[in-house]
Amino acid sequence: GARPIRLAWFAVVLPALVLNYLGQGAMILHSPETSDNPFFR
């Protein structure tokens, strides 16, 4: 159903994804060598 999907997206998935991508961007910007594997670094 649509309601549980919307709830999970706004409460958990969207905030987690945005925070992670912002964190990867901040790390790459100040440590360019981490761009080869930013997630695990």
PDB file of all heavy atoms in Angstrom:
ATOM      1  N   GLY A   1       0.817  -1.198   0.000  1.00  0.00           N
ATOM      2  CA  GLY A   1       0.000   0.000   0.000  1.00  0.00           C
ATOM      3  C   GLY A   1       0.854   1.253   0.000  1.00  0.00           C
ATOM      4  O   GLY A   1       2.049   1.225   0.347  1.00  0.00           O
ATOM      5  N   ALA A   2       0.268   2.372  -0.421  1.00  0.00           N
ATOM      6  CA  ALA A   2       1.026   3.611  -0.579  1.00  0.00           C
ATOM      7  C   ALA A   2       1.446   4.219   0.755  1.00  0.00           C
ATOM      8  O   ALA A   2       2.542   4.766   0.884  1.00  0.00           O
ATOM      9  CB  ALA A   2       0.198   4.625  -1.377  1.00  0.00           C
ATOM     10  N   ARG A   3       0.584   4.149   1.762  1.00  0.00           N
ATOM     11  CA  ARG A   3       0.875   4.840   3.024  1.00  0.00           C
ATOM     12  C   ARG A   3       2.135   4.319   3.720  1.00  0.00           C
ATOM     13  O   ARG A   3       2.982   5.127   4.136  1.00  0.00           O
ATOM     14  CB  ARG A   3      -0.336   4.740   3.960  1.00  0.00           C
ATOM     15  CG  ARG A   3      -0.201   5.578   5.217  1.00  0.00           C
ATOM     16  CD  ARG A   3      -1.491   5.576   6.045  1.00  0.00           C
ATOM     17  NE  ARG A   3      -1.355   6.391   7.250  1.00  0.00           N
ATOM     18  CZ  ARG A   3      -0.824   5.948   8.383  1.00  0.00           C
ATOM     19  NH1 ARG A   3      -0.405   4.696   8.463  1.00  0.00           N
ATOM     20  NH2 ARG A   3      -0.710   6.746   9.429  1.00  0.00           N
ATOM     21  N   PRO A   4       2.324   2.998   3.887  1.00  0.00           N
ATOM     22  CA  PRO A   4       3.568   2.527   4.514  1.00  0.00           C
ATOM     23  C   PRO A   4       4.816   2.909   3.719  1.00  0.00           C
ATOM     24  O   PRO A   4       5.863   3.183   4.311  1.00  0.00           O
ATOM     25  CB  PRO A   4       3.381   1.009   4.569  1.00  0.00           C
ATOM     26  CG  PRO A   4       1.912   0.799   4.524  1.00  0.00           C
ATOM     27  CD  PRO A   4       1.390   1.880   3.650  1.00  0.00           C
ATOM     28  N   ILE A   5       4.693   2.929   2.388  1.00  0.00           N
ATOM     29  CA  ILE A   5       5.852   3.302   1.562  1.00  0.00           C
ATOM     30  C   ILE A   5       6.197   4.767   1.785  1.00  0.00           C
ATOM     31  O   ILE A   5       7.376   5.131   1.947  1.00  0.00           O
ATOM     32  CB  ILE A   5       5.550   3.016   0.076  1.00  0.00           C
ATOM     33  CG1 ILE A   5       5.459   1.503  -0.156  1.00  0.00           C
ATOM     34  CG2 ILE A   5       6.619   3.632  -0.826  1.00  0.00           C
ATOM     35  CD1 ILE A   5       5.057   1.125  -1.559  1.00  0.00           C
ATOM     36  N   ARG A   6       5.199   5.628   1.805  1.00  0.00           N
ATOM     37  CA  ARG A   6       5.454   7.053   2.058  1.00  0.00           C
ATOM     38  C   ARG A   6       6.041   7.263   3.457  1.00  0.00           C
ATOM     39  O   ARG A   6       6.963   8.069   3.640  1.00  0.00           O
ATOM     40  CB  ARG A   6       4.150   7.847   1.915  1.00  0.00           C
ATOM     41  CG  ARG A   6       3.638   7.966   0.491  1.00  0.00           C
ATOM     42  CD  ARG A   6       2.537   9.011   0.403  1.00  0.00           C
ATOM     43  NE  ARG A   6       2.087   9.185  -0.971  1.00  0.00           N
ATOM     44  CZ  ARG A   6       0.920   8.728  -1.436  1.00  0.00           C
ATOM     45  NH1 ARG A   6       0.105   8.066  -0.630  1.00  0.00           N
ATOM     46  NH2 ARG A   6       0.578   8.927  -2.678  1.00  0.00           N
ATOM     47  N   LEU A   7       5.494   6.572   4.432  1.00  0.00           N
ATOM     48  CA  LEU A   7       5.983   6.710   5.802  1.00  0.00           C
ATOM     49  C   LEU A   7       7.456   6.322   5.896  1.00  0.00           C
ATOM     50  O   LEU A   7       8.273   7.056   6.483  1.00  0.00           O
ATOM     51  CB  LEU A   7       5.143   5.836   6.737  1.00  0.00           C
ATOM     52  CG  LEU A   7       5.602   5.776   8.200  1.00  0.00           C
ATOM     53  CD1 LEU A   7       5.501   7.150   8.842  1.00  0.00           C
ATOM     54  CD2 LEU A   7       4.764   4.750   8.978  1.00  0.00           C
ATOM     55  N   ALA A   8       7.813   5.176   5.332  1.00  0.00           N
ATOM     56  CA  ALA A   8       9.205   4.721   5.386  1.00  0.00           C
ATOM     57  C   ALA A   8      10.126   5.676   4.633  1.00  0.00           C
ATOM     58  O   ALA A   8      11.254   5.941   5.068  1.00  0.00           O
ATOM     59  CB  ALA A   8       9.307   3.309   4.802  1.00  0.00           C
ATOM     60  N   TRP A   9       9.653   6.233   3.512  1.00  0.00           N
ATOM     61  CA  TRP A   9      10.487   7.130   2.717  1.00  0.00           C
ATOM     62  C   TRP A   9      10.809   8.412   3.481  1.00  0.00           C
ATOM     63  O   TRP A   9      11.976   8.797   3.600  1.00  0.00           O
ATOM     64  CB  TRP A   9       9.800   7.462   1.400  1.00  0.00           C
ATOM     65  CG  TRP A   9      10.515   8.499   0.586  1.00  0.00           C
ATOM     66  CD1 TRP A   9      10.166   9.795   0.396  1.00  0.00           C
ATOM     67  CD2 TRP A   9      11.749   8.317  -0.127  1.00  0.00           C
ATOM     68  NE1 TRP A   9      11.082  10.455  -0.387  1.00  0.00           N
ATOM     69  CE2 TRP A   9      12.064   9.568  -0.727  1.00  0.00           C
ATOM     70  CE3 TRP A   9      12.615   7.246  -0.318  1.00  0.00           C
ATOM     71  CZ2 TRP A   9      13.208   9.746  -1.502  1.00  0.00           C
ATOM     72  CZ3 TRP A   9      13.758   7.430  -1.100  1.00  0.00           C
ATOM     73  CH2 TRP A   9      14.038   8.667  -1.675  1.00  0.00           C
ATOM     74  N   PHE A  10       9.790   9.078   3.985  1.00  0.00           N
ATOM     75  CA  PHE A  10      10.012  10.372   4.630  1.00  0.00           C
ATOM     76  C   PHE A  10      10.636  10.238   6.017  1.00  0.00           C
ATOM     77  O   PHE A  10      11.412  11.101   6.435  1.00  0.00           O
ATOM     78  CB  PHE A  10       8.696  11.140   4.725  1.00  0.00           C
ATOM     79  CG  PHE A  10       8.232  11.713   3.424  1.00  0.00           C
ATOM     80  CD1 PHE A  10       7.103  11.208   2.788  1.00  0.00           C
ATOM     81  CD2 PHE A  10       8.929  12.737   2.810  1.00  0.00           C
ATOM     82  CE1 PHE A  10       6.682  11.740   1.573  1.00  0.00           C
ATOM     83  CE2 PHE A  10       8.523  13.280   1.601  1.00  0.00           C
ATOM     84  CZ  PHE A  10       7.389  12.770   0.980  1.00  0.00           C
ATOM     85  N   ALA A  11      10.321   9.168   6.738  1.00  0.00           N
ATOM     86  CA  ALA A  11      10.819   9.034   8.112  1.00  0.00           C
ATOM     87  C   ALA A  11      12.230   8.478   8.169  1.00  0.00           C
ATOM     88  O   ALA A  11      13.003   8.831   9.073  1.00  0.00           O
ATOM     89  CB  ALA A  11       9.883   8.128   8.924  1.00  0.00           C
ATOM     90  N   VAL A  12      12.604   7.630   7.217  1.00  0.00           N
ATOM     91  CA  VAL A  12      13.887   6.926   7.321  1.00  0.00           C
ATOM     92  C   VAL A  12      14.760   7.103   6.077  1.00  0.00           C
ATOM     93  O   VAL A  12      15.895   7.575   6.156  1.00  0.00           O
ATOM     94  CB  VAL A  12      13.650   5.415   7.576  1.00  0.00           C
ATOM     95  CG1 VAL A  12      14.985   4.673   7.631  1.00  0.00           C
ATOM     96  CG2 VAL A  12      12.865   5.199   8.863  1.00  0.00           C
ATOM     97  N   VAL A  13      14.234   6.709   4.924  1.00  0.00           N
ATOM     98  CA  VAL A  13      15.080   6.556   3.736  1.00  0.00           C
ATOM     99  C   VAL A  13      15.606   7.898   3.234  1.00  0.00           C
ATOM    100  O   VAL A  13      16.818   8.061   3.035  1.00  0.00           O
ATOM    101  CB  VAL A  13      14.310   5.821   2.622  1.00  0.00           C
ATOM    102  CG1 VAL A  13      15.216   5.615   1.404  1.00  0.00           C
ATOM    103  CG2 VAL A  13      13.791   4.480   3.124  1.00  0.00           C
ATOM    104  N   LEU A  14      14.739   8.859   2.995  1.00  0.00           N
ATOM    105  CA  LEU A  14      15.167  10.150   2.445  1.00  0.00           C
ATOM    106  C   LEU A  14      16.189  10.842   3.342  1.00  0.00           C
ATOM    107  O   LEU A  14      17.254  11.273   2.856  1.00  0.00           O
ATOM    108  CB  LEU A  14      13.952  11.043   2.200  1.00  0.00           C
ATOM    109  CG  LEU A  14      14.253  12.450   1.678  1.00  0.00           C
ATOM    110  CD1 LEU A  14      14.992  12.396   0.354  1.00  0.00           C
ATOM    111  CD2 LEU A  14      12.953  13.257   1.545  1.00  0.00           C
ATOM    112  N   PRO A  15      15.943  11.005   4.644  1.00  0.00           N
ATOM    113  CA  PRO A  15      16.964  11.661   5.482  1.00  0.00           C
ATOM    114  C   PRO A  15      18.298  10.926   5.477  1.00  0.00           C
ATOM    115  O   PRO A  15      19.359  11.574   5.417  1.00  0.00           O
ATOM    116  CB  PRO A  15      16.333  11.655   6.883  1.00  0.00           C
ATOM    117  CG  PRO A  15      14.876  11.501   6.659  1.00  0.00           C
ATOM    118  CD  PRO A  15      14.732  10.665   5.434  1.00  0.00           C
ATOM    119  N   ALA A  16      18.266   9.600   5.535  1.00  0.00           N
ATOM    120  CA  ALA A  16      19.515   8.833   5.572  1.00  0.00           C
ATOM    121  C   ALA A  16      20.303   9.009   4.288  1.00  0.00           C
ATOM    122  O   ALA A  16      21.538   9.187   4.315  1.00  0.00           O
ATOM    123  CB  ALA A  16      19.205   7.355   5.822  1.00  0.00           C
ATOM    124  N   LEU A  17      19.626   8.961   3.145  1.00  0.00           N
ATOM    125  CA  LEU A  17      20.319   9.116   1.860  1.00  0.00           C
ATOM    126  C   LEU A  17      20.939  10.504   1.732  1.00  0.00           C
ATOM    127  O   LEU A  17      22.104  10.643   1.320  1.00  0.00           O
ATOM    128  CB  LEU A  17      19.348   8.867   0.703  1.00  0.00           C
ATOM    129  CG  LEU A  17      18.870   7.436   0.490  1.00  0.00           C
ATOM    130  CD1 LEU A  17      17.842   7.376  -0.633  1.00  0.00           C
ATOM    131  CD2 LEU A  17      20.045   6.510   0.164  1.00  0.00           C
ATOM    132  N   VAL A  18      20.182  11.538   2.065  1.00  0.00           N
ATOM    133  CA  VAL A  18      20.698  12.904   1.933  1.00  0.00           C
ATOM    134  C   VAL A  18      21.900  13.108   2.839  1.00  0.00           C
ATOM    135  O   VAL A  18      22.926  13.681   2.425  1.00  0.00           O
ATOM    136  CB  VAL A  18      19.585  13.928   2.243  1.00  0.00           C
ATOM    137  CG1 VAL A  18      20.163  15.341   2.294  1.00  0.00           C
ATOM    138  CG2 VAL A  18      18.485  13.852   1.190  1.00  0.00           C
ATOM    139  N   LEU A  19      21.817  12.667   4.082  1.00  0.00           N
ATOM    140  CA  LEU A  19      22.941  12.815   5.014  1.00  0.00           C
ATOM    141  C   LEU A  19      24.174  12.073   4.511  1.00  0.00           C
ATOM    142  O   LEU A  19      25.300  12.580   4.621  1.00  0.00           O
ATOM    143  CB  LEU A  19      22.546  12.312   6.399  1.00  0.00           C
ATOM    144  CG  LEU A  19      21.540  13.171   7.171  1.00  0.00           C
ATOM    145  CD1 LEU A  19      21.086  12.456   8.437  1.00  0.00           C
ATOM    146  CD2 LEU A  19      22.151  14.532   7.519  1.00  0.00           C
ATOM    147  N   ASN A  20      23.991  10.893   3.958  1.00  0.00           N
ATOM    148  CA  ASN A  20      25.142  10.123   3.491  1.00  0.00           C
ATOM    149  C   ASN A  20      25.802  10.774   2.286  1.00  0.00           C
ATOM    150  O   ASN A  20      27.029  10.869   2.222  1.00  0.00           O
ATOM    151  CB  ASN A  20      24.721   8.696   3.170  1.00  0.00           C
ATOM    152  CG  ASN A  20      25.917   7.788   2.953  1.00  0.00           C
ATOM    153  OD1 ASN A  20      26.383   7.624   1.838  1.00  0.00           O
ATOM    154  ND2 ASN A  20      26.422   7.201   4.039  1.00  0.00           N
ATOM    155  N   TYR A  21      24.988  11.227   1.324  1.00  0.00           N
ATOM    156  CA  TYR A  21      25.569  11.865   0.140  1.00  0.00           C
ATOM    157  C   TYR A  21      26.257  13.184   0.500  1.00  0.00           C
ATOM    158  O   TYR A  21      27.312  13.514  -0.067  1.00  0.00           O
ATOM    159  CB  TYR A  21      24.491  12.090  -0.926  1.00  0.00           C
ATOM    160  CG  TYR A  21      24.098  10.819  -1.643  1.00  0.00           C
ATOM    161  CD1 TYR A  21      22.764  10.407  -1.689  1.00  0.00           C
ATOM    162  CD2 TYR A  21      25.048  10.020  -2.270  1.00  0.00           C
ATOM    163  CE1 TYR A  21      22.401   9.242  -2.338  1.00  0.00           C
ATOM    164  CE2 TYR A  21      24.686   8.852  -2.929  1.00  0.00           C
ATOM    165  CZ  TYR A  21      23.363   8.473  -2.958  1.00  0.00           C
ATOM    166  OH  TYR A  21      22.997   7.311  -3.595  1.00  0.00           O
ATOM    167  N   LEU A  22      25.676  13.942   1.417  1.00  0.00           N
ATOM    168  CA  LEU A  22      26.340  15.166   1.864  1.00  0.00           C
ATOM    169  C   LEU A  22      27.671  14.844   2.544  1.00  0.00           C
ATOM    170  O   LEU A  22      28.681  15.529   2.330  1.00  0.00           O
ATOM    171  CB  LEU A  22      25.441  15.940   2.827  1.00  0.00           C
ATOM    172  CG  LEU A  22      24.254  16.680   2.221  1.00  0.00           C
ATOM    173  CD1 LEU A  22      23.366  17.256   3.315  1.00  0.00           C
ATOM    174  CD2 LEU A  22      24.725  17.794   1.285  1.00  0.00           C
ATOM    175  N   GLY A  23      27.679  13.776   3.362  1.00  0.00           N
ATOM    176  CA  GLY A  23      28.917  13.368   4.022  1.00  0.00           C
ATOM    177  C   GLY A  23      29.979  12.946   3.026  1.00  0.00           C
ATOM    178  O   GLY A  23      31.168  13.303   3.168  1.00  0.00           O
ATOM    179  N   GLN A  24      29.581  12.183   1.994  1.00  0.00           N
ATOM    180  CA  GLN A  24      30.556  11.777   0.969  1.00  0.00           C
ATOM    181  C   GLN A  24      31.097  13.006   0.232  1.00  0.00           C
ATOM    182  O   GLN A  24      32.299  13.097  -0.049  1.00  0.00           O
ATOM    183  CB  GLN A  24      29.904  10.815  -0.026  1.00  0.00           C
ATOM    184  CG  GLN A  24      29.606   9.431   0.543  1.00  0.00           C
ATOM    185  CD  GLN A  24      29.240   8.426  -0.529  1.00  0.00           C
ATOM    186  OE1 GLN A  24      29.887   8.353  -1.564  1.00  0.00           O
ATOM    187  NE2 GLN A  24      28.206   7.633  -0.283  1.00  0.00           N
ATOM    188  N   GLY A  25      30.197  13.948  -0.080  1.00  0.00           N
ATOM    189  CA  GLY A  25      30.645  15.157  -0.776  1.00  0.00           C
ATOM    190  C   GLY A  25      31.617  15.961   0.057  1.00  0.00           C
ATOM    191  O   GLY A  25      32.638  16.458  -0.459  1.00  0.00           O
ATOM    192  N   ALA A  26      31.334  16.117   1.359  1.00  0.00           N
ATOM    193  CA  ALA A  26      32.232  16.876   2.244  1.00  0.00           C
ATOM    194  C   ALA A  26      33.589  16.212   2.324  1.00  0.00           C
ATOM    195  O   ALA A  26      34.641  16.894   2.294  1.00  0.00           O
ATOM    196  CB  ALA A  26      31.605  16.987   3.639  1.00  0.00           C
ATOM    197  N   MET A  27      33.624  14.894   2.415  1.00  0.00           N
ATOM    198  CA  MET A  27      34.895  14.189   2.524  1.00  0.00           C
ATOM    199  C   MET A  27      35.707  14.301   1.232  1.00  0.00           C
ATOM    200  O   MET A  27      36.921  14.555   1.262  1.00  0.00           O
ATOM    201  CB  MET A  27      34.630  12.708   2.850  1.00  0.00           C
ATOM    202  CG  MET A  27      35.897  11.896   3.065  1.00  0.00           C
ATOM    203  SD  MET A  27      35.527  10.139   3.306  1.00  0.00           S
ATOM    204  CE  MET A  27      34.814   9.728   1.712  1.00  0.00           C
ATOM    205  N   ILE A  28      35.049  14.137   0.078  1.00  0.00           N
ATOM    206  CA  ILE A  28      35.757  14.235  -1.207  1.00  0.00           C
ATOM    207  C   ILE A  28      36.307  15.646  -1.404  1.00  0.00           C
ATOM    208  O   ILE A  28      37.426  15.834  -1.912  1.00  0.00           O
ATOM    209  CB  ILE A  28      34.807  13.850  -2.363  1.00  0.00           C
ATOM    210  CG1 ILE A  28      34.455  12.365  -2.289  1.00  0.00           C
ATOM    211  CG2 ILE A  28      35.428  14.176  -3.714  1.00  0.00           C
ATOM    212  CD1 ILE A  28      33.369  11.949  -3.257  1.00  0.00           C
ATOM    213  N   LEU A  29      35.527  16.637  -0.999  1.00  0.00           N
ATOM    214  CA  LEU A  29      35.951  18.018  -1.200  1.00  0.00           C
ATOM    215  C   LEU A  29      37.223  18.338  -0.426  1.00  0.00           C
ATOM    216  O   LEU A  29      38.102  19.061  -0.923  1.00  0.00           O
ATOM    217  CB  LEU A  29      34.821  18.962  -0.757  1.00  0.00           C
ATOM    218  CG  LEU A  29      34.954  20.432  -1.120  1.00  0.00           C
ATOM    219  CD1 LEU A  29      35.009  20.604  -2.633  1.00  0.00           C
ATOM    220  CD2 LEU A  29      33.791  21.226  -0.541  1.00  0.00           C
ATOM    221  N   HIS A  30      37.368  17.800   0.767  1.00  0.00           N
ATOM    222  CA  HIS A  30      38.519  18.115   1.601  1.00  0.00           C
ATOM    223  C   HIS A  30      39.586  17.028   1.599  1.00  0.00           C
ATOM    224  O   HIS A  30      40.689  17.252   2.089  1.00  0.00           O
ATOM    225  CB  HIS A  30      38.055  18.401   3.033  1.00  0.00           C
ATOM    226  CG  HIS A  30      37.283  19.667   3.151  1.00  0.00           C
ATOM    227  ND1 HIS A  30      35.942  19.736   2.901  1.00  0.00           N
ATOM    228  CD2 HIS A  30      37.682  20.949   3.460  1.00  0.00           C
ATOM    229  CE1 HIS A  30      35.530  20.988   3.068  1.00  0.00           C
ATOM    230  NE2 HIS A  30      36.563  21.742   3.404  1.00  0.00           N
ATOM    231  N   SER A  31      39.264  15.850   1.058  1.00  0.00           N
ATOM    232  CA  SER A  31      40.249  14.776   0.891  1.00  0.00           C
ATOM    233  C   SER A  31      40.025  14.140  -0.473  1.00  0.00           C
ATOM    234  O   SER A  31      39.397  13.072  -0.591  1.00  0.00           O
ATOM    235  CB  SER A  31      40.111  13.724   2.003  1.00  0.00           C
ATOM    236  OG  SER A  31      40.265  14.307   3.278  1.00  0.00           O
ATOM    237  N   PRO A  32      40.497  14.787  -1.545  1.00  0.00           N
ATOM    238  CA  PRO A  32      40.198  14.322  -2.903  1.00  0.00           C
ATOM    239  C   PRO A  32      40.606  12.879  -3.164  1.00  0.00           C
ATOM    240  O   PRO A  32      39.984  12.203  -3.987  1.00  0.00           O
ATOM    241  CB  PRO A  32      41.003  15.289  -3.788  1.00  0.00           C
ATOM    242  CG  PRO A  32      41.154  16.518  -2.955  1.00  0.00           C
ATOM    243  CD  PRO A  32      41.286  16.040  -1.549  1.00  0.00           C
ATOM    244  N   GLU A  33      41.626  12.372  -2.449  1.00  0.00           N
ATOM    245  CA  GLU A  33      42.078  11.009  -2.698  1.00  0.00           C
ATOM    246  C   GLU A  33      41.024   9.956  -2.306  1.00  0.00           C
ATOM    247  O   GLU A  33      41.110   8.794  -2.724  1.00  0.00           O
ATOM    248  CB  GLU A  33      43.389  10.746  -1.942  1.00  0.00           C
ATOM    249  CG  GLU A  33      43.264  10.662  -0.417  1.00  0.00           C
ATOM    250  CD  GLU A  33      43.214  12.017   0.258  1.00  0.00           C
ATOM    251  OE1 GLU A  33      43.240  13.034  -0.466  1.00  0.00           O
ATOM    252  OE2 GLU A  33      43.174  12.057   1.511  1.00  0.00           O
ATOM    253  N   THR A  34      40.014  10.348  -1.514  1.00  0.00           N
ATOM    254  CA  THR A  34      38.986   9.397  -1.083  1.00  0.00           C
ATOM    255  C   THR A  34      37.922   9.146  -2.147  1.00  0.00           C
ATOM    256  O   THR A  34      37.029   8.318  -1.951  1.00  0.00           O
ATOM    257  CB  THR A  34      38.278   9.898   0.190  1.00  0.00           C
ATOM    258  OG1 THR A  34      37.642  11.147  -0.092  1.00  0.00           O
ATOM    259  CG2 THR A  34      39.276  10.085   1.317  1.00  0.00           C
ATOM    260  N   SER A  35      38.028   9.847  -3.279  1.00  0.00           N
ATOM    261  CA  SER A  35      36.992   9.707  -4.308  1.00  0.00           C
ATOM    262  C   SER A  35      37.021   8.344  -4.989  1.00  0.00           C
ATOM    263  O   SER A  35      36.071   7.989  -5.690  1.00  0.00           O
ATOM    264  CB  SER A  35      37.142  10.810  -5.370  1.00  0.00           C
ATOM    265  OG  SER A  35      38.390  10.700  -6.042  1.00  0.00           O
ATOM    266  N   ASP A  36      38.114   7.572  -4.771  1.00  0.00           N
ATOM    267  CA  ASP A  36      38.168   6.254  -5.410  1.00  0.00           C
ATOM    268  C   ASP A  36      37.183   5.273  -4.792  1.00  0.00           C
ATOM    269  O   ASP A  36      36.710   4.355  -5.444  1.00  0.00           O
ATOM    270  CB  ASP A  36      39.586   5.680  -5.349  1.00  0.00           C
ATOM    271  CG  ASP A  36      40.035   5.448  -3.918  1.00  0.00           C
ATOM    272  OD1 ASP A  36      39.497   6.121  -2.999  1.00  0.00           O
ATOM    273  OD2 ASP A  36      40.920   4.596  -3.705  1.00  0.00           O
ATOM    274  N   ASN A  37      36.846   5.461  -3.513  1.00  0.00           N
ATOM    275  CA  ASN A  37      35.866   4.606  -2.836  1.00  0.00           C
ATOM    276  C   ASN A  37      35.308   5.375  -1.640  1.00  0.00           C
ATOM    277  O   ASN A  37      35.580   5.043  -0.492  1.00  0.00           O
ATOM    278  CB  ASN A  37      36.506   3.297  -2.366  1.00  0.00           C
ATOM    279  CG  ASN A  37      35.476   2.225  -2.076  1.00  0.00           C
ATOM    280  OD1 ASN A  37      34.342   2.508  -1.732  1.00  0.00           O
ATOM    281  ND2 ASN A  37      35.876   0.970  -2.230  1.00  0.00           N
ATOM    282  N   PRO A  38      34.519   6.417  -1.909  1.00  0.00           N
ATOM    283  CA  PRO A  38      34.131   7.332  -0.825  1.00  0.00           C
ATOM    284  C   PRO A  38      33.273   6.687   0.251  1.00  0.00           C
ATOM    285  O   PRO A  38      33.371   7.071   1.425  1.00  0.00           O
ATOM    286  CB  PRO A  38      33.370   8.443  -1.553  1.00  0.00           C
ATOM    287  CG  PRO A  38      32.939   7.835  -2.848  1.00  0.00           C
ATOM    288  CD  PRO A  38      33.989   6.853  -3.213  1.00  0.00           C
ATOM    289  N   PHE A  39      32.440   5.726  -0.100  1.00  0.00           N
ATOM    290  CA  PHE A  39      31.545   5.170   0.909  1.00  0.00           C
ATOM    291  C   PHE A  39      32.334   4.499   2.031  1.00  0.00           C
ATOM    292  O   PHE A  39      32.162   4.815   3.218  1.00  0.00           O
ATOM    293  CB  PHE A  39      30.561   4.183   0.286  1.00  0.00           C
ATOM    294  CG  PHE A  39      29.620   3.576   1.290  1.00  0.00           C
ATOM    295  CD1 PHE A  39      28.495   4.262   1.714  1.00  0.00           C
ATOM    296  CD2 PHE A  39      29.879   2.334   1.849  1.00  0.00           C
ATOM    297  CE1 PHE A  39      27.642   3.723   2.663  1.00  0.00           C
ATOM    298  CE2 PHE A  39      29.030   1.782   2.792  1.00  0.00           C
ATOM    299  CZ  PHE A  39      27.901   2.473   3.200  1.00  0.00           C
ATOM    300  N   PHE A  40      33.182   3.562   1.688  1.00  0.00           N
ATOM    301  CA  PHE A  40      33.901   2.828   2.721  1.00  0.00           C
ATOM    302  C   PHE A  40      34.956   3.692   3.414  1.00  0.00           C
ATOM    303  O   PHE A  40      35.303   3.458   4.572  1.00  0.00           O
ATOM    304  CB  PHE A  40      34.545   1.568   2.142  1.00  0.00           C
ATOM    305  CG  PHE A  40      33.551   0.475   1.856  1.00  0.00           C
ATOM    306  CD1 PHE A  40      33.181   0.183   0.553  1.00  0.00           C
ATOM    307  CD2 PHE A  40      32.976  -0.262   2.880  1.00  0.00           C
ATOM    308  CE1 PHE A  40      32.267  -0.813   0.285  1.00  0.00           C
ATOM    309  CE2 PHE A  40      32.055  -1.263   2.622  1.00  0.00           C
ATOM    310  CZ  PHE A  40      31.698  -1.549   1.319  1.00  0.00           C
ATOM    311  N   ARG A  41      35.456   4.721   2.718  1.00  0.00           N
ATOM    312  CA  ARG A  41      36.453   5.589   3.330  1.00  0.00           C
ATOM    313  C   ARG A  41      35.842   6.540   4.364  1.00  0.00           C
ATOM    314  O   ARG A  41      36.555   7.161   5.138  1.00  0.00           O
ATOM    315  CB  ARG A  41      37.199   6.381   2.254  1.00  0.00           C
ATOM    316  CG  ARG A  41      38.163   5.525   1.436  1.00  0.00           C
ATOM    317  CD  ARG A  41      38.943   6.380   0.461  1.00  0.00           C
ATOM    318  NE  ARG A  41      39.899   5.596  -0.291  1.00  0.00           N
ATOM    319  CZ  ARG A  41      41.146   5.324   0.104  1.00  0.00           C
ATOM    320  NH1 ARG A  41      41.570   5.794   1.291  1.00  0.00           N
ATOM    321  NH2 ARG A  41      41.961   4.627  -0.636  1.00  0.00           N
TER     322      ARG A  41
END
